[in-house]
Amino acid sequence: MKNAKPWCVMYLTLAVLWSAASAATIAPDATRVQSNAIALIPQSAADGRPAMVPAPVASSNAPAFRAHPSPYNVSNAQYPRIEANSRVTFRFTAPDAEKVQVALVTSGQNSLNPLPYDMVKGQDGVWTYTSEPQSPGYHNYWMIVDGATVLDPATNAFIGYSHMCNGFEIPEPGVDYYDLKDVPHGDVLIKNYYSKTLNAWRRIFVYTPPQYSKDATTRYPVLYLQHGGGEDERVWIEMGRTHLILDNLLAEGKVKPMIVVMETSYMPRPAGGGGGGFGGFGGAGGGSYGQLMINDLIPWVDSNFRTLSDREHRAMAGLSMGGMQTASVTMANLDTFSHIGLFSGGAAIGFMGGGFGTGSDTAPARLDLSRIYNGAMTDPDEFNKKVKVLFMSFGSEPPLENPEGLKRHQEQLVAAGIKNSYVYISPGTSHEWQTWRRSLYTFAPLLFRDAAITASGTDTSPAVPSEYTPPREEDIVDAASSWLLRQLQGNSEP
């Protein structure tokens, strides 16, 4: 890992600590090899809970897309070019350079870090490279020119890996839930609030639903949505397309209108170190970031937006590091949050093939509920009363994701008396944005299934349609050829 980015090293350290703390709770005699397919516990309305409806994925009979410039290119720039076979062609002009590479993540390379691929120099001084087929969704990349990291001037820049990157988008044929459509649109606001805890200004992105600015009497539930390591508060809009996903779900009557608050997950390190920095984990109240949320962020949001400010109408979710942070904050503050979403991180199963990936053939492994999730599940009945939804997701591709471990963990929770969990496995994806877009799409309709109430007490929320039905097994079972989890090699990136 000598070339790993600093955020990846910190993330792996946190993940190992989280895994070690969780692994101590599994029964020592629990050993088995999981079957290749993931058969999830039925998650339907039969037990009175809302049914989980997985995000749509590419259809085999959907029309193929044509080759086209990446949608993030600057005006009239033709490259990066998305080829019809999902490969990407890059061009970079550097006539005096001796070596140019493009850094990107390719499916199957088992790395959270983009890897460098050599470009070929033409007589005109233009370097080119065509990638292997890329998975659907958003991907970061950047150029490396004679060893220096350089942005491609032909396309826009986005935050990732703790620095600015370029990006491209691979279409998913037949899937349009995150596309811009002719439907009513909400607003994305950029606000600054002053944190008395830190004596500093903090920036947040806030999504408000389409009717928010038109009806001054309606109050709305709030979802606090956290980014991953090396990112910041803007990514759930720029890469995740949260506003478009919710606009489209609202237009189809599949989700309750809500406010979404996106803030940076990072905390400044105090003098002498410790207590902050990478996510502000650990300690009372969900760590330093949890204390900031409870003391500063949530009161400010409730004072400046028309929110439903009770626990039943407040949710928190996050991806990767943000999922770990969500678990830390919510489980220590169940009087504040009632809906929890852990996307590719935060579940007490370990990371990248570790944790609870194996168990008994005949019965779920025993959990010591007092030693996971801040002890929040020690009284299962009380936890079930307070938490309406505990949603956990992974992509289907190990070892960077741990789908078998997550499925097994749900079995353990159910056996221990926890009745409010949902598990979603994103087929064919790894630790990437398409996993998290799909997770948000699947999670959002489960939220706030009671009503949003106006000041006069009238229910103004669109009802979730009656055609919501339990998902078919083929919608939630991944047909990947191999699901055996394995540890990364010692020289692999985290």
Protein backbone atom coordinates (compact mmCIF):
# COMPACT_ATOMS: atom_id res chain seq x y z
CA MET A 1 0.00 0.00 0.00
CA LYS A 2 2.98 2.30 -0.28
CA ASN A 3 1.28 4.36 -3.01
CA ALA A 4 -2.12 4.52 -1.30
CA LYS A 5 -3.79 7.90 -0.97
CA PRO A 6 -3.79 9.19 2.64
CA TRP A 7 -7.60 8.99 2.92
CA CYS A 8 -7.50 5.32 1.90
CA VAL A 9 -4.94 4.51 4.58
CA MET A 10 -7.09 6.24 7.20
CA TYR A 11 -10.22 4.55 5.91
CA LEU A 12 -8.62 1.11 6.10
CA THR A 13 -7.44 1.81 9.63
CA LEU A 14 -10.96 2.75 10.68
CA ALA A 15 -12.42 -0.25 8.87
CA VAL A 16 -10.04 -2.66 10.58
CA LEU A 17 -10.85 -1.20 13.99
CA TRP A 18 -14.58 -1.41 13.23
CA SER A 19 -14.20 -5.00 12.04
CA ALA A 20 -12.17 -5.99 15.09
CA ALA A 21 -14.74 -4.52 17.47
CA SER A 22 -17.55 -6.29 15.64
CA ALA A 23 -15.85 -9.64 15.15
CA ALA A 24 -15.60 -10.13 18.90
CA THR A 25 -19.38 -10.61 19.00
CA ILE A 26 -19.66 -13.70 16.80
CA ALA A 27 -19.99 -17.19 18.21
CA PRO A 28 -16.63 -19.03 17.92
CA ASP A 29 -18.18 -22.17 16.41
CA ALA A 30 -19.80 -20.38 13.49
CA THR A 31 -18.17 -21.58 10.28
CA ARG A 32 -19.60 -22.30 6.86
CA VAL A 33 -19.16 -21.43 3.19
CA GLN A 34 -21.99 -19.35 1.79
CA SER A 35 -23.82 -20.36 -1.37
CA ASN A 36 -23.02 -18.46 -4.54
CA ALA A 37 -26.35 -16.62 -4.71
CA ILE A 38 -27.58 -14.23 -2.04
CA ALA A 39 -31.10 -15.13 -0.96
CA LEU A 40 -32.29 -12.28 1.20
CA ILE A 41 -34.77 -12.51 4.05
CA PRO A 42 -38.23 -11.63 2.65
CA GLN A 43 -38.71 -7.89 2.97
CA SER A 44 -42.38 -7.34 2.23
CA ALA A 45 -45.42 -5.66 3.72
CA ALA A 46 -46.69 -9.01 5.04
CA ASP A 47 -45.39 -8.21 8.53
CA GLY A 48 -46.80 -4.69 8.44
CA ARG A 49 -43.57 -3.05 7.30
CA PRO A 50 -43.23 -1.11 4.04
CA ALA A 51 -42.09 -3.26 1.14
CA MET A 52 -38.60 -2.64 -0.21
CA VAL A 53 -38.57 -2.09 -3.97
CA PRO A 54 -35.04 -2.40 -5.46
CA ALA A 55 -33.71 0.16 -7.91
CA PRO A 56 -34.16 -0.70 -11.59
CA VAL A 57 -31.14 -2.06 -13.43
CA ALA A 58 -30.28 -2.40 -17.11
CA SER A 59 -32.67 -4.51 -19.13
CA SER A 60 -31.34 -7.00 -21.66
CA ASN A 61 -33.84 -5.77 -24.24
CA ALA A 62 -33.18 -2.06 -23.69
CA PRO A 63 -31.80 -0.26 -26.75
CA ALA A 64 -28.03 0.11 -26.77
CA PHE A 65 -26.58 3.59 -26.56
CA ARG A 66 -24.44 5.18 -29.26
CA ALA A 67 -20.91 6.47 -28.81
CA HIS A 68 -20.96 10.03 -27.49
CA PRO A 69 -18.88 12.61 -25.61
CA SER A 70 -19.03 12.37 -21.83
CA PRO A 71 -21.84 14.60 -20.50
CA TYR A 72 -19.36 16.32 -18.16
CA ASN A 73 -17.17 17.59 -21.03
CA VAL A 74 -16.77 21.31 -21.51
CA SER A 75 -18.53 22.85 -24.49
CA ASN A 76 -17.73 21.14 -27.82
CA ALA A 77 -15.08 18.84 -26.32
CA GLN A 78 -15.38 15.39 -27.90
CA TYR A 79 -13.18 13.52 -25.41
CA PRO A 80 -13.43 11.66 -23.12
CA ARG A 81 -15.66 9.72 -25.49
CA ILE A 82 -18.02 7.01 -24.23
CA GLU A 83 -17.93 4.18 -26.75
CA ALA A 84 -20.96 2.02 -27.56
CA ASN A 85 -19.36 -0.93 -25.76
CA SER A 86 -18.92 1.08 -22.51
CA ARG A 87 -15.21 1.61 -23.09
CA VAL A 88 -13.89 5.15 -22.73
CA THR A 89 -11.44 6.85 -25.08
CA PHE A 90 -9.26 9.58 -23.58
CA ARG A 91 -7.17 12.18 -25.43
CA PHE A 92 -4.66 14.54 -23.85
CA THR A 93 -2.43 17.06 -25.59
CA ALA A 94 1.11 17.17 -24.17
CA PRO A 95 3.66 17.31 -26.99
CA ASP A 96 6.65 17.81 -24.68
CA ALA A 97 5.75 15.10 -22.16
CA GLU A 98 7.72 11.87 -22.01
CA LYS A 99 5.02 9.79 -20.29
CA VAL A 100 1.28 10.35 -19.85
CA GLN A 101 -1.09 8.04 -18.00
CA VAL A 102 -4.78 8.11 -17.15
CA ALA A 103 -5.72 7.02 -13.62
CA LEU A 104 -9.07 5.29 -13.27
CA VAL A 105 -10.79 2.45 -11.45
CA THR A 106 -11.66 -0.54 -13.63
CA SER A 107 -14.05 -3.25 -12.53
CA GLY A 108 -12.26 -6.30 -11.12
CA GLN A 109 -8.98 -4.57 -10.21
CA ASN A 110 -9.88 -4.79 -6.49
CA SER A 111 -8.70 -1.30 -5.69
CA LEU A 112 -10.36 1.73 -4.17
CA ASN A 113 -7.68 3.85 -5.80
CA PRO A 114 -7.58 4.56 -9.53
CA LEU A 115 -4.64 2.78 -11.19
CA PRO A 116 -2.46 4.36 -13.90
CA TYR A 117 -2.82 3.20 -17.51
CA ASP A 118 -0.23 4.20 -20.13
CA MET A 119 -1.40 6.41 -22.99
CA VAL A 120 0.11 6.29 -26.50
CA LYS A 121 1.64 9.41 -28.04
CA GLY A 122 0.78 10.34 -31.62
CA GLN A 123 2.92 12.33 -34.02
CA ASP A 124 0.73 15.37 -33.34
CA GLY A 125 1.63 15.34 -29.64
CA VAL A 126 -1.79 14.01 -28.61
CA TRP A 127 -1.84 11.04 -26.23
CA THR A 128 -4.70 8.51 -26.43
CA TYR A 129 -5.97 5.53 -24.47
CA THR A 130 -9.12 3.40 -24.71
CA SER A 131 -10.12 1.67 -21.49
CA GLU A 132 -11.60 -1.69 -20.72
CA PRO A 133 -15.44 -1.67 -20.46
CA GLN A 134 -16.58 0.40 -17.50
CA SER A 135 -19.57 -0.29 -15.26
CA PRO A 136 -22.61 2.02 -15.44
CA GLY A 137 -22.63 5.29 -13.56
CA TYR A 138 -20.19 8.00 -12.52
CA HIS A 139 -16.41 7.42 -12.43
CA ASN A 140 -13.48 9.62 -11.38
CA TYR A 141 -10.25 9.87 -13.33
CA TRP A 142 -7.25 12.16 -13.75
CA MET A 143 -4.08 12.45 -15.82
CA ILE A 144 -0.53 11.75 -14.69
CA VAL A 145 2.01 13.70 -16.76
CA ASP A 146 5.64 12.76 -16.12
CA GLY A 147 4.66 11.74 -12.59
CA ALA A 148 2.56 14.83 -11.79
CA THR A 149 -1.21 14.64 -11.21
CA VAL A 150 -2.92 16.89 -13.78
CA LEU A 151 -6.58 17.59 -14.51
CA ASP A 152 -7.95 17.06 -18.00
CA PRO A 153 -8.97 20.55 -19.22
CA ALA A 154 -11.58 19.05 -21.57
CA THR A 155 -14.00 18.09 -18.81
CA ASN A 156 -15.32 19.33 -15.49
CA ALA A 157 -13.65 18.76 -12.13
CA PHE A 158 -15.16 17.06 -9.08
CA ILE A 159 -13.95 16.39 -5.55
CA GLY A 160 -12.76 12.86 -4.79
CA TYR A 161 -9.77 11.05 -3.30
CA SER A 162 -9.03 14.20 -1.27
CA HIS A 163 -8.31 16.27 -4.38
CA MET A 164 -10.03 17.51 -7.50
CA CYS A 165 -10.64 14.88 -10.19
CA ASN A 166 -12.24 14.65 -13.59
CA GLY A 167 -15.29 12.50 -14.20
CA PHE A 168 -17.22 10.59 -16.86
CA GLU A 169 -20.60 8.85 -16.94
CA ILE A 170 -21.45 5.45 -18.43
CA PRO A 171 -25.18 5.08 -19.32
CA GLU A 172 -27.20 2.17 -17.99
CA PRO A 173 -29.53 1.15 -20.84
CA GLY A 174 -33.20 1.43 -19.93
CA VAL A 175 -32.51 3.14 -16.58
CA ASP A 176 -33.45 6.80 -16.17
CA TYR A 177 -34.38 7.37 -12.52
CA TYR A 178 -31.38 9.69 -12.03
CA ASP A 179 -31.81 11.57 -15.33
CA LEU A 180 -33.09 15.13 -15.69
CA LYS A 181 -36.75 14.85 -16.73
CA ASP A 182 -39.68 17.15 -17.42
CA VAL A 183 -41.13 16.85 -13.91
CA PRO A 184 -41.48 19.35 -11.05
CA HIS A 185 -38.05 20.09 -9.61
CA GLY A 186 -36.94 20.94 -6.12
CA ASP A 187 -34.20 23.40 -5.26
CA VAL A 188 -30.61 22.82 -4.20
CA LEU A 189 -29.45 25.55 -1.84
CA ILE A 190 -25.95 26.29 -0.57
CA LYS A 191 -26.05 27.65 2.97
CA ASN A 192 -23.53 28.57 5.65
CA TYR A 193 -24.16 28.16 9.35
CA TYR A 194 -22.03 29.06 12.34
CA SER A 195 -20.98 26.22 14.63
CA LYS A 196 -20.61 27.35 18.22
CA THR A 197 -18.98 24.00 18.98
CA LEU A 198 -16.14 24.75 16.55
CA ASN A 199 -16.32 28.55 16.51
CA ALA A 200 -16.26 28.28 12.74
CA TRP A 201 -18.51 28.55 9.70
CA ARG A 202 -19.69 25.33 8.02
CA ARG A 203 -21.14 24.92 4.52
CA ILE A 204 -24.10 22.69 3.71
CA PHE A 205 -26.05 21.73 0.61
CA VAL A 206 -29.82 21.52 1.15
CA TYR A 207 -32.41 19.96 -1.18
CA THR A 208 -35.98 21.14 -0.76
CA PRO A 209 -38.86 19.39 -2.59
CA PRO A 210 -40.75 21.04 -5.47
CA GLN A 211 -43.64 22.40 -3.36
CA TYR A 212 -41.47 23.79 -0.57
CA SER A 213 -41.29 27.33 -1.95
CA LYS A 214 -44.95 27.39 -3.05
CA ASP A 215 -46.70 26.50 0.20
CA ALA A 216 -45.43 28.28 3.29
CA THR A 217 -47.50 26.15 5.69
CA THR A 218 -46.20 22.64 5.02
CA ARG A 219 -43.46 21.16 7.18
CA TYR A 220 -41.23 18.34 6.01
CA PRO A 221 -39.16 15.47 7.42
CA VAL A 222 -35.38 15.67 7.06
CA LEU A 223 -32.75 13.23 5.79
CA TYR A 224 -29.14 13.99 6.73
CA LEU A 225 -26.97 12.45 3.98
CA GLN A 226 -23.23 11.92 4.43
CA HIS A 227 -20.46 11.53 1.84
CA GLY A 228 -17.53 9.12 1.82
CA GLY A 229 -13.81 9.43 2.48
CA GLY A 230 -11.92 12.02 0.44
CA GLU A 231 -15.16 13.80 -0.59
CA ASP A 232 -17.29 16.64 0.75
CA GLU A 233 -20.82 17.98 0.99
CA ARG A 234 -21.30 18.55 -2.75
CA VAL A 235 -20.88 14.96 -4.00
CA TRP A 236 -24.39 13.67 -3.27
CA ILE A 237 -25.63 16.32 -5.71
CA GLU A 238 -22.87 16.33 -8.33
CA MET A 239 -22.20 12.57 -8.54
CA GLY A 240 -25.08 11.05 -6.60
CA ARG A 241 -27.78 13.14 -8.33
CA THR A 242 -29.86 13.07 -5.16
CA HIS A 243 -32.07 15.95 -6.31
CA LEU A 244 -32.93 14.22 -9.59
CA ILE A 245 -33.58 10.86 -7.93
CA LEU A 246 -35.99 12.43 -5.44
CA ASP A 247 -37.65 14.66 -8.06
CA ASN A 248 -38.35 11.60 -10.22
CA LEU A 249 -39.55 9.45 -7.31
CA LEU A 250 -41.86 12.26 -6.18
CA ALA A 251 -43.28 12.66 -9.67
CA GLU A 252 -44.15 8.95 -9.67
CA GLY A 253 -45.70 9.12 -6.19
CA LYS A 254 -43.18 6.66 -4.77
CA VAL A 255 -41.65 8.73 -1.99
CA LYS A 256 -42.68 11.24 0.64
CA PRO A 257 -41.44 14.80 0.08
CA MET A 258 -38.48 15.55 2.32
CA ILE A 259 -35.66 17.98 2.93
CA VAL A 260 -32.15 16.57 2.48
CA VAL A 261 -29.17 18.12 4.27
CA MET A 262 -25.65 17.34 3.07
CA GLU A 263 -22.69 18.50 5.16
CA THR A 264 -19.00 17.75 5.22
CA SER A 265 -18.20 14.78 7.41
CA TYR A 266 -14.80 16.11 8.39
CA MET A 267 -13.94 17.77 11.68
CA PRO A 268 -10.90 19.98 12.29
CA ARG A 269 -8.21 18.38 14.37
CA PRO A 270 -7.62 20.14 17.68
CA ALA A 271 -4.16 21.29 18.65
CA GLY A 272 -2.11 18.26 19.64
CA GLY A 273 -4.12 15.91 17.40
CA GLY A 274 -6.90 13.44 18.09
CA GLY A 275 -10.64 13.84 18.32
CA GLY A 276 -11.33 15.07 14.82
CA GLY A 277 -10.12 14.91 11.26
CA PHE A 278 -11.31 11.82 9.43
CA GLY A 279 -15.01 11.80 10.25
CA GLY A 280 -14.84 12.76 13.94
CA PHE A 281 -15.57 9.16 15.03
CA GLY A 282 -15.60 7.77 18.51
CA GLY A 283 -16.52 9.06 21.92
CA ALA A 284 -19.72 10.05 23.67
CA GLY A 285 -22.74 11.15 21.67
CA GLY A 286 -21.45 9.69 18.42
CA GLY A 287 -18.07 11.38 18.55
CA SER A 288 -17.19 14.99 17.82
CA TYR A 289 -19.25 15.01 14.64
CA GLY A 290 -22.27 13.58 16.44
CA GLN A 291 -22.00 16.32 19.03
CA LEU A 292 -21.79 18.95 16.28
CA MET A 293 -24.93 17.56 14.65
CA ILE A 294 -26.94 17.46 17.87
CA ASN A 295 -25.76 20.82 19.23
CA ASP A 296 -25.35 22.91 16.08
CA LEU A 297 -26.44 21.49 12.73
CA ILE A 298 -29.86 20.03 13.54
CA PRO A 299 -31.01 23.03 15.62
CA TRP A 300 -29.90 25.39 12.85
CA VAL A 301 -31.74 23.41 10.18
CA ASP A 302 -34.90 23.21 12.31
CA SER A 303 -34.73 26.98 12.91
CA ASN A 304 -34.15 27.94 9.27
CA PHE A 305 -36.29 25.43 7.35
CA ARG A 306 -39.87 24.25 7.80
CA THR A 307 -39.03 20.89 9.30
CA LEU A 308 -40.93 18.29 11.26
CA SER A 309 -38.48 18.35 14.13
CA ASP A 310 -39.42 15.22 16.05
CA ARG A 311 -37.46 11.97 16.02
CA GLU A 312 -40.02 10.16 13.86
CA HIS A 313 -39.35 12.56 11.00
CA ARG A 314 -35.55 12.60 11.05
CA ALA A 315 -33.26 10.18 9.20
CA MET A 316 -29.54 9.84 8.60
CA ALA A 317 -27.68 7.88 5.93
CA GLY A 318 -24.22 7.79 4.40
CA LEU A 319 -21.94 5.99 2.01
CA SER A 320 -18.69 4.24 2.94
CA MET A 321 -17.07 6.41 5.62
CA GLY A 322 -20.37 8.28 5.84
CA GLY A 323 -22.13 5.00 6.59
CA MET A 324 -19.71 4.34 9.44
CA GLN A 325 -20.31 7.86 10.68
CA THR A 326 -24.08 7.40 10.40
CA ALA A 327 -23.94 4.26 12.53
CA SER A 328 -21.78 6.03 15.11
CA VAL A 329 -24.07 9.07 15.37
CA THR A 330 -27.50 7.48 15.13
CA MET A 331 -26.91 4.54 17.43
CA ALA A 332 -25.77 6.95 20.14
CA ASN A 333 -28.77 9.24 19.56
CA LEU A 334 -31.86 7.11 19.04
CA ASP A 335 -33.97 9.84 20.63
CA THR A 336 -33.05 11.99 17.62
CA PHE A 337 -33.18 9.58 14.63
CA SER A 338 -35.75 6.95 13.62
CA HIS A 339 -34.53 5.95 10.12
CA ILE A 340 -30.95 4.78 9.43
CA GLY A 341 -29.22 4.05 6.10
CA LEU A 342 -25.79 2.39 5.90
CA PHE A 343 -24.52 2.25 2.30
CA SER A 344 -21.28 0.22 1.87
CA GLY A 345 -20.19 0.96 5.41
CA GLY A 346 -21.31 1.10 9.02
CA ALA A 347 -22.84 -2.36 9.36
CA ALA A 348 -21.13 -4.38 12.11
CA ILE A 349 -19.73 -7.00 9.74
CA GLY A 350 -16.23 -5.84 8.94
CA PHE A 351 -14.96 -4.61 5.59
CA MET A 352 -13.78 -6.07 2.29
CA GLY A 353 -14.61 -9.71 2.90
CA GLY A 354 -13.94 -9.76 6.62
CA GLY A 355 -16.30 -9.76 9.58
CA PHE A 356 -19.33 -12.03 9.62
CA GLY A 357 -18.92 -13.59 6.19
CA THR A 358 -19.33 -17.11 7.54
CA GLY A 359 -21.61 -18.83 10.03
CA SER A 360 -23.41 -22.02 11.04
CA ASP A 361 -25.29 -24.05 8.44
CA THR A 362 -28.24 -24.62 10.74
CA ALA A 363 -28.73 -21.44 12.74
CA PRO A 364 -27.59 -17.82 12.67
CA ALA A 365 -24.46 -17.10 14.67
CA ARG A 366 -25.14 -15.54 18.04
CA LEU A 367 -24.57 -11.82 18.48
CA ASP A 368 -23.70 -10.02 21.67
CA LEU A 369 -25.95 -7.01 21.07
CA SER A 370 -24.31 -5.09 23.89
CA ARG A 371 -21.03 -4.94 21.96
CA ILE A 372 -22.20 -3.66 18.57
CA TYR A 373 -23.82 -0.39 17.48
CA ASN A 374 -22.97 1.38 20.71
CA GLY A 375 -25.15 -1.10 22.59
CA ALA A 376 -28.25 0.44 21.01
CA MET A 377 -29.76 -3.00 20.32
CA THR A 378 -29.26 -4.44 23.80
CA ASP A 379 -33.04 -4.22 24.31
CA PRO A 380 -34.39 -5.39 20.90
CA ASP A 381 -37.98 -4.43 21.70
CA GLU A 382 -36.96 -0.89 22.58
CA PHE A 383 -34.79 -0.62 19.46
CA ASN A 384 -37.69 -1.85 17.30
CA LYS A 385 -39.96 0.81 18.79
CA LYS A 386 -37.53 3.64 18.18
CA VAL A 387 -36.06 2.72 14.80
CA LYS A 388 -38.54 2.41 11.95
CA VAL A 389 -36.00 1.45 9.28
CA LEU A 390 -32.46 0.05 9.51
CA PHE A 391 -31.35 -0.13 5.87
CA MET A 392 -28.01 -1.69 4.89
CA SER A 393 -26.59 -2.10 1.41
CA PHE A 394 -23.54 -3.25 -0.52
CA GLY A 395 -22.59 -3.79 -4.12
CA SER A 396 -22.50 -7.43 -5.20
CA GLU A 397 -18.79 -7.52 -6.07
CA PRO A 398 -16.34 -8.66 -3.36
CA PRO A 399 -13.77 -8.10 -2.00
CA LEU A 400 -14.30 -4.33 -1.83
CA GLU A 401 -17.92 -4.99 -0.89
CA ASN A 402 -19.15 -7.69 1.52
CA PRO A 403 -22.60 -8.83 0.30
CA GLU A 404 -22.49 -12.28 1.88
CA GLY A 405 -21.47 -10.83 5.21
CA LEU A 406 -24.32 -8.33 5.07
CA LYS A 407 -26.90 -10.98 4.26
CA ARG A 408 -25.56 -13.09 7.10
CA HIS A 409 -25.64 -10.13 9.47
CA GLN A 410 -29.33 -9.58 8.77
CA GLU A 411 -30.02 -13.22 9.63
CA GLN A 412 -28.21 -12.67 12.91
CA LEU A 413 -30.16 -9.52 13.70
CA VAL A 414 -33.48 -11.20 12.98
CA ALA A 415 -32.52 -14.14 15.19
CA ALA A 416 -31.64 -11.69 17.96
CA GLY A 417 -35.06 -10.04 17.74
CA ILE A 418 -34.28 -7.02 15.57
CA LYS A 419 -37.27 -6.75 13.23
CA ASN A 420 -36.77 -3.54 11.29
CA SER A 421 -33.79 -4.29 9.02
CA TYR A 422 -33.66 -4.17 5.24
CA VAL A 423 -30.78 -5.39 3.08
CA TYR A 424 -30.20 -4.35 -0.52
CA ILE A 425 -27.48 -5.79 -2.78
CA SER A 426 -26.72 -3.75 -5.90
CA PRO A 427 -26.14 -6.28 -8.72
CA GLY A 428 -22.89 -6.05 -10.67
CA THR A 429 -21.42 -3.06 -8.81
CA SER A 430 -18.61 -2.56 -6.32
CA HIS A 431 -17.58 0.34 -4.07
CA GLU A 432 -18.85 2.98 -6.50
CA TRP A 433 -21.48 5.61 -7.16
CA GLN A 434 -23.94 3.34 -8.97
CA THR A 435 -24.18 1.25 -5.80
CA TRP A 436 -25.02 4.36 -3.80
CA ARG A 437 -27.46 5.86 -6.30
CA ARG A 438 -29.34 2.57 -6.30
CA SER A 439 -29.16 2.45 -2.50
CA LEU A 440 -30.69 5.92 -2.19
CA TYR A 441 -33.41 5.06 -4.70
CA THR A 442 -34.28 1.91 -2.71
CA PHE A 443 -33.97 3.54 0.72
CA ALA A 444 -35.91 6.77 0.13
CA PRO A 445 -39.39 5.20 -0.37
CA LEU A 446 -39.07 3.47 3.02
CA LEU A 447 -38.73 6.80 4.82
CA PHE A 448 -41.40 8.67 6.75
CA ARG A 449 -44.30 6.49 5.77
CA ASP A 450 -46.52 8.42 8.12
CA ALA A 451 -47.66 11.83 6.80
CA ALA A 452 -46.04 15.21 6.40
CA ILE A 453 -48.37 17.58 8.25
CA THR A 454 -49.07 21.24 7.57
CA ALA A 455 -49.34 23.81 10.31
CA SER A 456 -53.11 23.30 10.17
CA GLY A 457 -52.72 19.53 10.65
CA THR A 458 -53.70 18.48 7.13
CA ASP A 459 -51.97 15.59 5.41
CA THR A 460 -50.46 17.00 2.22
CA SER A 461 -48.07 14.21 1.31
CA PRO A 462 -48.73 12.13 -1.81
CA ALA A 463 -49.59 8.60 -0.78
CA VAL A 464 -47.21 5.83 -1.64
CA PRO A 465 -49.06 4.03 -4.44
CA SER A 466 -50.95 0.84 -3.74
CA GLU A 467 -49.09 -0.93 -6.51
CA TYR A 468 -46.03 -1.20 -4.25
CA THR A 469 -45.47 -4.95 -4.11
CA PRO A 470 -42.80 -7.13 -2.57
CA PRO A 471 -39.76 -7.46 -4.83
CA ARG A 472 -39.38 -10.55 -6.95
CA GLU A 473 -36.56 -12.87 -5.97
CA GLU A 474 -34.79 -12.26 -9.27
CA ASP A 475 -34.74 -8.52 -8.50
CA ILE A 476 -32.73 -8.98 -5.33
CA VAL A 477 -30.67 -12.08 -6.03
CA ASP A 478 -27.43 -11.49 -7.83
CA ALA A 479 -26.44 -14.15 -10.29
CA ALA A 480 -22.71 -13.59 -10.09
CA SER A 481 -20.72 -16.70 -10.76
CA SER A 482 -18.71 -16.54 -7.53
CA TRP A 483 -19.48 -15.11 -4.11
CA LEU A 484 -16.61 -16.56 -2.11
CA LEU A 485 -15.14 -13.75 -0.05
CA ARG A 486 -11.39 -13.34 0.15
CA GLN A 487 -8.96 -10.95 1.75
CA LEU A 488 -7.01 -8.49 -0.33
CA GLN A 489 -3.36 -9.30 -0.99
CA GLY A 490 -0.87 -7.55 1.23
CA ASN A 491 0.19 -5.16 -1.55
CA SER A 492 -3.41 -4.30 -2.53
CA GLU A 493 -4.88 -0.86 -2.07
CA PRO A 494 -7.51 -0.51 0.65
